[in-house]
Amino acid sequence: MGADASPFERTILVVDDDHVQARATVRLLKIAGFDAVPAPDIESAMTELTQRPIHVLLVDLQLGSEHGGDLVTMARRDYPALTTILISGSAPDEVEPVAKACGATAFLTKPFDLDRLLEIIDTTVAPARAD
């Protein structure tokens, strides 16, 4: 997925049941030059993954009664090249084992630093090849 995307054509799916947080994250990512779309739950996220090329999946660990790790596991199974980043308000030592178990590319704790998120994206999603 990522190998065909230019830096300004990378689409990030932001999965968070907190609509205010999701909108703020989408807005910041758009300002940074990405196409970013929100999804409030696992079902909506899986639908988005089938409807458009997604290069990065940014998932909150707690999605109401759902578990973001389950989404990461399903997405990695269906889209192995997809960069998946798990975010959580929990302590890093609590999030890291969950991120590893579900196969997340990386994890961030809330409030997360936008520069760190952009660094992860830049190092895990390849830019388009020059022809």
N, C-alpha and C. Protein backbone atom coordinates (compact mmCIF):
# COMPACT_ATOMS: atom_id res chain seq x y z
N MET A 1 0.81 -1.19 0.00
CA MET A 1 0.00 0.00 0.00
C MET A 1 0.85 1.26 0.00
N GLY A 2 1.74 1.39 0.98
CA GLY A 2 2.49 2.60 1.14
C GLY A 2 3.44 2.91 0.01
N ALA A 3 3.96 1.90 -0.69
CA ALA A 3 4.97 2.12 -1.71
C ALA A 3 4.46 2.97 -2.87
N ASP A 4 3.17 3.04 -3.08
CA ASP A 4 2.60 3.79 -4.19
C ASP A 4 2.12 5.18 -3.79
N ALA A 5 2.32 5.59 -2.57
CA ALA A 5 1.76 6.85 -2.10
C ALA A 5 2.83 7.92 -1.99
N SER A 6 2.54 9.10 -2.52
CA SER A 6 3.45 10.23 -2.33
C SER A 6 3.20 10.79 -0.94
N PRO A 7 4.11 11.62 -0.43
CA PRO A 7 3.90 12.14 0.92
C PRO A 7 2.57 12.86 1.09
N PHE A 8 2.02 13.43 0.01
CA PHE A 8 0.77 14.18 0.14
C PHE A 8 -0.43 13.37 -0.30
N GLU A 9 -0.23 12.10 -0.60
CA GLU A 9 -1.34 11.24 -1.00
C GLU A 9 -1.56 10.12 -0.01
N ARG A 10 -0.93 10.18 1.13
CA ARG A 10 -1.10 9.13 2.13
C ARG A 10 -2.38 9.39 2.91
N THR A 11 -3.19 8.35 3.00
CA THR A 11 -4.47 8.47 3.71
C THR A 11 -4.35 7.80 5.07
N ILE A 12 -4.79 8.52 6.08
CA ILE A 12 -4.75 8.02 7.45
C ILE A 12 -6.17 7.86 7.95
N LEU A 13 -6.48 6.68 8.43
CA LEU A 13 -7.78 6.39 9.02
C LEU A 13 -7.65 6.53 10.53
N VAL A 14 -8.36 7.48 11.10
CA VAL A 14 -8.31 7.76 12.53
C VAL A 14 -9.52 7.10 13.19
N VAL A 15 -9.29 6.08 14.00
CA VAL A 15 -10.38 5.34 14.62
C VAL A 15 -10.41 5.67 16.11
N ASP A 16 -11.44 6.41 16.49
CA ASP A 16 -11.59 6.85 17.87
C ASP A 16 -13.06 7.11 18.14
N ASP A 17 -13.59 6.56 19.21
CA ASP A 17 -14.99 6.77 19.55
C ASP A 17 -15.24 8.13 20.19
N ASP A 18 -14.17 8.83 20.55
CA ASP A 18 -14.27 10.19 21.07
C ASP A 18 -14.28 11.13 19.85
N HIS A 19 -15.47 11.59 19.47
CA HIS A 19 -15.63 12.36 18.24
C HIS A 19 -14.81 13.66 18.25
N VAL A 20 -14.71 14.30 19.40
CA VAL A 20 -13.94 15.54 19.49
C VAL A 20 -12.46 15.25 19.24
N GLN A 21 -11.95 14.21 19.87
CA GLN A 21 -10.54 13.82 19.68
C GLN A 21 -10.29 13.41 18.23
N ALA A 22 -11.20 12.66 17.65
CA ALA A 22 -11.05 12.21 16.26
C ALA A 22 -11.01 13.40 15.30
N ARG A 23 -11.94 14.33 15.47
CA ARG A 23 -11.97 15.51 14.59
C ARG A 23 -10.70 16.34 14.73
N ALA A 24 -10.22 16.51 15.96
CA ALA A 24 -9.00 17.29 16.18
C ALA A 24 -7.80 16.61 15.53
N THR A 25 -7.71 15.31 15.66
CA THR A 25 -6.60 14.57 15.05
C THR A 25 -6.66 14.64 13.53
N VAL A 26 -7.85 14.46 12.97
CA VAL A 26 -8.04 14.55 11.52
C VAL A 26 -7.62 15.94 11.04
N ARG A 27 -8.05 16.97 11.74
CA ARG A 27 -7.73 18.34 11.35
C ARG A 27 -6.21 18.57 11.36
N LEU A 28 -5.53 18.11 12.40
CA LEU A 28 -4.07 18.27 12.48
C LEU A 28 -3.36 17.52 11.36
N LEU A 29 -3.83 16.33 11.06
CA LEU A 29 -3.21 15.54 9.99
C LEU A 29 -3.43 16.19 8.62
N LYS A 30 -4.59 16.78 8.42
CA LYS A 30 -4.85 17.49 7.16
C LYS A 30 -3.95 18.71 7.03
N ILE A 31 -3.76 19.44 8.13
CA ILE A 31 -2.86 20.59 8.12
C ILE A 31 -1.43 20.14 7.77
N ALA A 32 -1.07 18.93 8.22
CA ALA A 32 0.26 18.38 7.94
C ALA A 32 0.38 17.85 6.52
N GLY A 33 -0.72 17.86 5.76
CA GLY A 33 -0.66 17.48 4.36
C GLY A 33 -1.18 16.10 4.02
N PHE A 34 -1.83 15.45 4.96
CA PHE A 34 -2.36 14.12 4.72
C PHE A 34 -3.85 14.17 4.42
N ASP A 35 -4.33 13.14 3.76
CA ASP A 35 -5.76 12.91 3.67
C ASP A 35 -6.09 12.10 4.91
N ALA A 36 -6.98 12.56 5.74
CA ALA A 36 -7.32 11.86 6.98
C ALA A 36 -8.83 11.76 7.09
N VAL A 37 -9.29 10.58 7.50
CA VAL A 37 -10.72 10.35 7.65
C VAL A 37 -10.98 9.69 9.00
N PRO A 38 -12.09 10.05 9.65
CA PRO A 38 -12.41 9.45 10.95
C PRO A 38 -13.32 8.23 10.81
N ALA A 39 -13.25 7.37 11.79
CA ALA A 39 -14.18 6.25 11.93
C ALA A 39 -14.40 6.05 13.43
N PRO A 40 -15.65 5.88 13.87
CA PRO A 40 -15.92 5.80 15.30
C PRO A 40 -15.82 4.41 15.91
N ASP A 41 -15.74 3.37 15.08
CA ASP A 41 -15.76 2.01 15.62
C ASP A 41 -15.14 1.03 14.64
N ILE A 42 -15.03 -0.23 15.06
CA ILE A 42 -14.38 -1.25 14.25
C ILE A 42 -15.12 -1.49 12.94
N GLU A 43 -16.43 -1.60 13.00
CA GLU A 43 -17.20 -1.86 11.78
C GLU A 43 -17.00 -0.75 10.74
N SER A 44 -17.08 0.49 11.17
CA SER A 44 -16.87 1.62 10.25
C SER A 44 -15.45 1.62 9.69
N ALA A 45 -14.49 1.30 10.52
CA ALA A 45 -13.09 1.27 10.08
C ALA A 45 -12.88 0.17 9.03
N MET A 46 -13.42 -1.01 9.27
CA MET A 46 -13.27 -2.10 8.30
C MET A 46 -13.94 -1.75 6.98
N THR A 47 -15.06 -1.04 7.04
CA THR A 47 -15.73 -0.59 5.81
C THR A 47 -14.84 0.39 5.06
N GLU A 48 -14.27 1.36 5.76
CA GLU A 48 -13.36 2.33 5.14
C GLU A 48 -12.17 1.63 4.48
N LEU A 49 -11.64 0.62 5.14
CA LEU A 49 -10.49 -0.10 4.59
C LEU A 49 -10.81 -0.78 3.27
N THR A 50 -12.07 -1.18 3.08
CA THR A 50 -12.45 -1.84 1.83
C THR A 50 -12.83 -0.84 0.74
N GLN A 51 -13.08 0.41 1.11
CA GLN A 51 -13.60 1.38 0.15
C GLN A 51 -12.55 2.32 -0.43
N ARG A 52 -11.38 2.42 0.18
CA ARG A 52 -10.35 3.34 -0.30
C ARG A 52 -8.99 2.85 0.16
N PRO A 53 -7.94 3.26 -0.54
CA PRO A 53 -6.60 2.90 -0.08
C PRO A 53 -6.27 3.65 1.22
N ILE A 54 -5.95 2.91 2.24
CA ILE A 54 -5.55 3.48 3.53
C ILE A 54 -4.09 3.11 3.74
N HIS A 55 -3.28 4.07 4.14
CA HIS A 55 -1.85 3.84 4.31
C HIS A 55 -1.46 3.72 5.78
N VAL A 56 -2.23 4.38 6.64
CA VAL A 56 -1.96 4.34 8.07
C VAL A 56 -3.28 4.20 8.82
N LEU A 57 -3.30 3.29 9.77
CA LEU A 57 -4.46 3.08 10.63
C LEU A 57 -4.04 3.53 12.03
N LEU A 58 -4.65 4.61 12.50
CA LEU A 58 -4.38 5.17 13.83
C LEU A 58 -5.57 4.82 14.71
N VAL A 59 -5.36 3.95 15.69
CA VAL A 59 -6.48 3.35 16.43
C VAL A 59 -6.35 3.59 17.93
N ASP A 60 -7.43 4.10 18.53
CA ASP A 60 -7.49 4.20 19.98
C ASP A 60 -7.68 2.80 20.56
N LEU A 61 -7.00 2.52 21.64
CA LEU A 61 -7.10 1.19 22.26
C LEU A 61 -8.51 0.91 22.76
N GLN A 62 -9.14 1.89 23.39
CA GLN A 62 -10.50 1.72 23.91
C GLN A 62 -11.49 2.41 22.99
N LEU A 63 -12.30 1.61 22.34
CA LEU A 63 -13.34 2.13 21.44
C LEU A 63 -14.70 1.80 22.04
N GLY A 64 -15.05 2.49 23.10
CA GLY A 64 -16.29 2.17 23.80
C GLY A 64 -16.19 0.77 24.36
N SER A 65 -17.11 -0.10 23.95
CA SER A 65 -17.08 -1.49 24.42
C SER A 65 -16.18 -2.36 23.56
N GLU A 66 -15.61 -1.79 22.50
CA GLU A 66 -14.73 -2.55 21.61
C GLU A 66 -13.26 -2.32 21.98
N HIS A 67 -12.40 -3.19 21.49
CA HIS A 67 -10.97 -3.11 21.79
C HIS A 67 -10.22 -2.81 20.50
N GLY A 68 -9.49 -1.70 20.48
CA GLY A 68 -8.75 -1.31 19.30
C GLY A 68 -7.74 -2.35 18.84
N GLY A 69 -7.22 -3.14 19.77
CA GLY A 69 -6.28 -4.20 19.41
C GLY A 69 -6.92 -5.22 18.48
N ASP A 70 -8.22 -5.45 18.65
CA ASP A 70 -8.93 -6.38 17.76
C ASP A 70 -8.94 -5.85 16.33
N LEU A 71 -9.16 -4.55 16.19
CA LEU A 71 -9.15 -3.94 14.86
C LEU A 71 -7.77 -4.05 14.23
N VAL A 72 -6.73 -3.77 15.00
CA VAL A 72 -5.36 -3.87 14.48
C VAL A 72 -5.08 -5.29 14.00
N THR A 73 -5.48 -6.28 14.79
CA THR A 73 -5.27 -7.69 14.40
C THR A 73 -5.98 -8.00 13.09
N MET A 74 -7.23 -7.60 12.96
CA MET A 74 -8.00 -7.86 11.73
C MET A 74 -7.39 -7.13 10.54
N ALA A 75 -7.03 -5.87 10.74
CA ALA A 75 -6.48 -5.07 9.65
C ALA A 75 -5.14 -5.63 9.19
N ARG A 76 -4.30 -6.04 10.13
CA ARG A 76 -2.99 -6.61 9.76
C ARG A 76 -3.16 -7.94 9.03
N ARG A 77 -4.19 -8.70 9.40
CA ARG A 77 -4.46 -9.97 8.72
C ARG A 77 -4.87 -9.71 7.27
N ASP A 78 -5.75 -8.75 7.07
CA ASP A 78 -6.28 -8.47 5.73
C ASP A 78 -5.37 -7.57 4.90
N TYR A 79 -4.59 -6.72 5.54
CA TYR A 79 -3.73 -5.75 4.85
C TYR A 79 -2.35 -5.75 5.53
N PRO A 80 -1.55 -6.77 5.29
CA PRO A 80 -0.28 -6.93 6.02
C PRO A 80 0.70 -5.76 5.89
N ALA A 81 0.64 -5.01 4.80
CA ALA A 81 1.57 -3.89 4.61
C ALA A 81 1.09 -2.61 5.28
N LEU A 82 -0.10 -2.62 5.84
CA LEU A 82 -0.68 -1.43 6.46
C LEU A 82 0.08 -1.05 7.72
N THR A 83 0.44 0.23 7.82
CA THR A 83 1.03 0.74 9.04
C THR A 83 -0.08 0.93 10.07
N THR A 84 0.08 0.33 11.24
CA THR A 84 -0.94 0.43 12.29
C THR A 84 -0.31 1.02 13.54
N ILE A 85 -0.95 2.06 14.06
CA ILE A 85 -0.46 2.74 15.24
C ILE A 85 -1.56 2.73 16.29
N LEU A 86 -1.27 2.15 17.43
CA LEU A 86 -2.22 2.06 18.53
C LEU A 86 -1.97 3.23 19.47
N ILE A 87 -3.05 3.92 19.88
CA ILE A 87 -2.91 5.03 20.83
C ILE A 87 -3.75 4.73 22.08
N SER A 88 -3.27 5.21 23.21
CA SER A 88 -3.98 4.94 24.46
C SER A 88 -3.60 5.97 25.52
N GLY A 89 -4.53 6.17 26.43
CA GLY A 89 -4.27 7.03 27.57
C GLY A 89 -3.58 6.28 28.70
N SER A 90 -3.37 4.99 28.53
CA SER A 90 -2.70 4.17 29.55
C SER A 90 -1.19 4.39 29.52
N ALA A 91 -0.53 3.91 30.56
CA ALA A 91 0.93 4.03 30.65
C ALA A 91 1.60 3.19 29.56
N PRO A 92 2.76 3.64 29.07
CA PRO A 92 3.46 2.90 28.02
C PRO A 92 3.70 1.44 28.34
N ASP A 93 4.03 1.13 29.60
CA ASP A 93 4.31 -0.27 29.93
C ASP A 93 3.04 -1.13 29.91
N GLU A 94 1.88 -0.51 29.89
CA GLU A 94 0.63 -1.24 29.74
C GLU A 94 0.24 -1.39 28.28
N VAL A 95 0.60 -0.40 27.46
CA VAL A 95 0.21 -0.38 26.05
C VAL A 95 1.15 -1.23 25.20
N GLU A 96 2.43 -1.19 25.50
CA GLU A 96 3.41 -1.89 24.67
C GLU A 96 3.12 -3.38 24.48
N PRO A 97 2.81 -4.13 25.54
CA PRO A 97 2.53 -5.56 25.32
C PRO A 97 1.29 -5.79 24.46
N VAL A 98 0.29 -4.93 24.60
CA VAL A 98 -0.92 -5.05 23.79
C VAL A 98 -0.60 -4.75 22.33
N ALA A 99 0.18 -3.70 22.11
CA ALA A 99 0.57 -3.33 20.75
C ALA A 99 1.35 -4.46 20.08
N LYS A 100 2.27 -5.06 20.80
CA LYS A 100 3.05 -6.18 20.26
C LYS A 100 2.16 -7.38 19.98
N ALA A 101 1.25 -7.69 20.90
CA ALA A 101 0.39 -8.86 20.75
C ALA A 101 -0.53 -8.76 19.54
N CYS A 102 -1.00 -7.57 19.23
CA CYS A 102 -1.93 -7.43 18.10
C CYS A 102 -1.20 -7.12 16.80
N GLY A 103 0.11 -6.93 16.85
CA GLY A 103 0.88 -6.70 15.64
C GLY A 103 0.96 -5.25 15.19
N ALA A 104 0.71 -4.31 16.09
CA ALA A 104 0.78 -2.90 15.73
C ALA A 104 2.21 -2.53 15.32
N THR A 105 2.32 -1.65 14.35
CA THR A 105 3.61 -1.16 13.90
C THR A 105 4.28 -0.34 15.00
N ALA A 106 3.45 0.45 15.70
CA ALA A 106 3.95 1.33 16.75
C ALA A 106 2.81 1.66 17.70
N PHE A 107 3.15 2.31 18.81
CA PHE A 107 2.12 2.80 19.73
C PHE A 107 2.53 4.15 20.26
N LEU A 108 1.51 4.93 20.63
CA LEU A 108 1.71 6.24 21.25
C LEU A 108 0.78 6.35 22.44
N THR A 109 1.21 7.09 23.44
CA THR A 109 0.33 7.34 24.58
C THR A 109 -0.23 8.75 24.46
N LYS A 110 -1.46 8.91 24.95
CA LYS A 110 -2.14 10.20 24.93
C LYS A 110 -1.71 11.03 26.13
N PRO A 111 -1.62 12.31 25.97
CA PRO A 111 -1.75 13.02 24.70
C PRO A 111 -0.50 12.76 23.88
N PHE A 112 -0.68 12.43 22.60
CA PHE A 112 0.49 12.10 21.80
C PHE A 112 1.03 13.35 21.11
N ASP A 113 2.32 13.29 20.84
CA ASP A 113 3.03 14.38 20.19
C ASP A 113 2.88 14.23 18.68
N LEU A 114 2.36 15.25 18.01
CA LEU A 114 2.14 15.18 16.56
C LEU A 114 3.46 14.95 15.82
N ASP A 115 4.53 15.56 16.27
CA ASP A 115 5.82 15.35 15.60
C ASP A 115 6.25 13.89 15.68
N ARG A 116 6.01 13.25 16.80
CA ARG A 116 6.36 11.82 16.94
C ARG A 116 5.48 10.98 16.01
N LEU A 117 4.20 11.30 15.91
CA LEU A 117 3.31 10.58 15.00
C LEU A 117 3.80 10.74 13.56
N LEU A 118 4.14 11.96 13.16
CA LEU A 118 4.63 12.20 11.80
C LEU A 118 5.94 11.47 11.53
N GLU A 119 6.78 11.38 12.54
CA GLU A 119 8.04 10.64 12.42
C GLU A 119 7.76 9.15 12.17
N ILE A 120 6.83 8.58 12.90
CA ILE A 120 6.47 7.17 12.70
C ILE A 120 5.93 6.97 11.29
N ILE A 121 5.06 7.86 10.86
CA ILE A 121 4.49 7.75 9.51
C ILE A 121 5.60 7.83 8.47
N ASP A 122 6.49 8.80 8.62
CA ASP A 122 7.57 8.99 7.65
C ASP A 122 8.51 7.79 7.57
N THR A 123 8.72 7.12 8.68
CA THR A 123 9.66 5.99 8.67
C THR A 123 9.00 4.66 8.33
N THR A 124 7.68 4.59 8.35
CA THR A 124 7.03 3.30 8.10
C THR A 124 6.24 3.24 6.80
N VAL A 125 5.91 4.39 6.23
CA VAL A 125 5.16 4.43 4.98
C VAL A 125 6.08 5.00 3.90
N ALA A 126 6.38 4.19 2.92
CA ALA A 126 7.31 4.61 1.86
C ALA A 126 6.68 5.65 0.96
N PRO A 127 7.45 6.67 0.56
CA PRO A 127 6.93 7.65 -0.41
C PRO A 127 6.89 7.03 -1.81
N ALA A 128 6.23 7.72 -2.72
CA ALA A 128 6.12 7.24 -4.10
C ALA A 128 7.51 7.20 -4.73
N ARG A 129 7.68 6.26 -5.62
CA ARG A 129 8.94 6.15 -6.36
C ARG A 129 8.94 7.17 -7.49
N ALA A 130 10.06 7.80 -7.73
CA ALA A 130 10.19 8.73 -8.86
C ALA A 130 10.33 7.93 -10.14
N ASP A 131 9.53 8.28 -11.13
CA ASP A 131 9.60 7.56 -12.41
C ASP A 131 10.45 8.30 -13.40
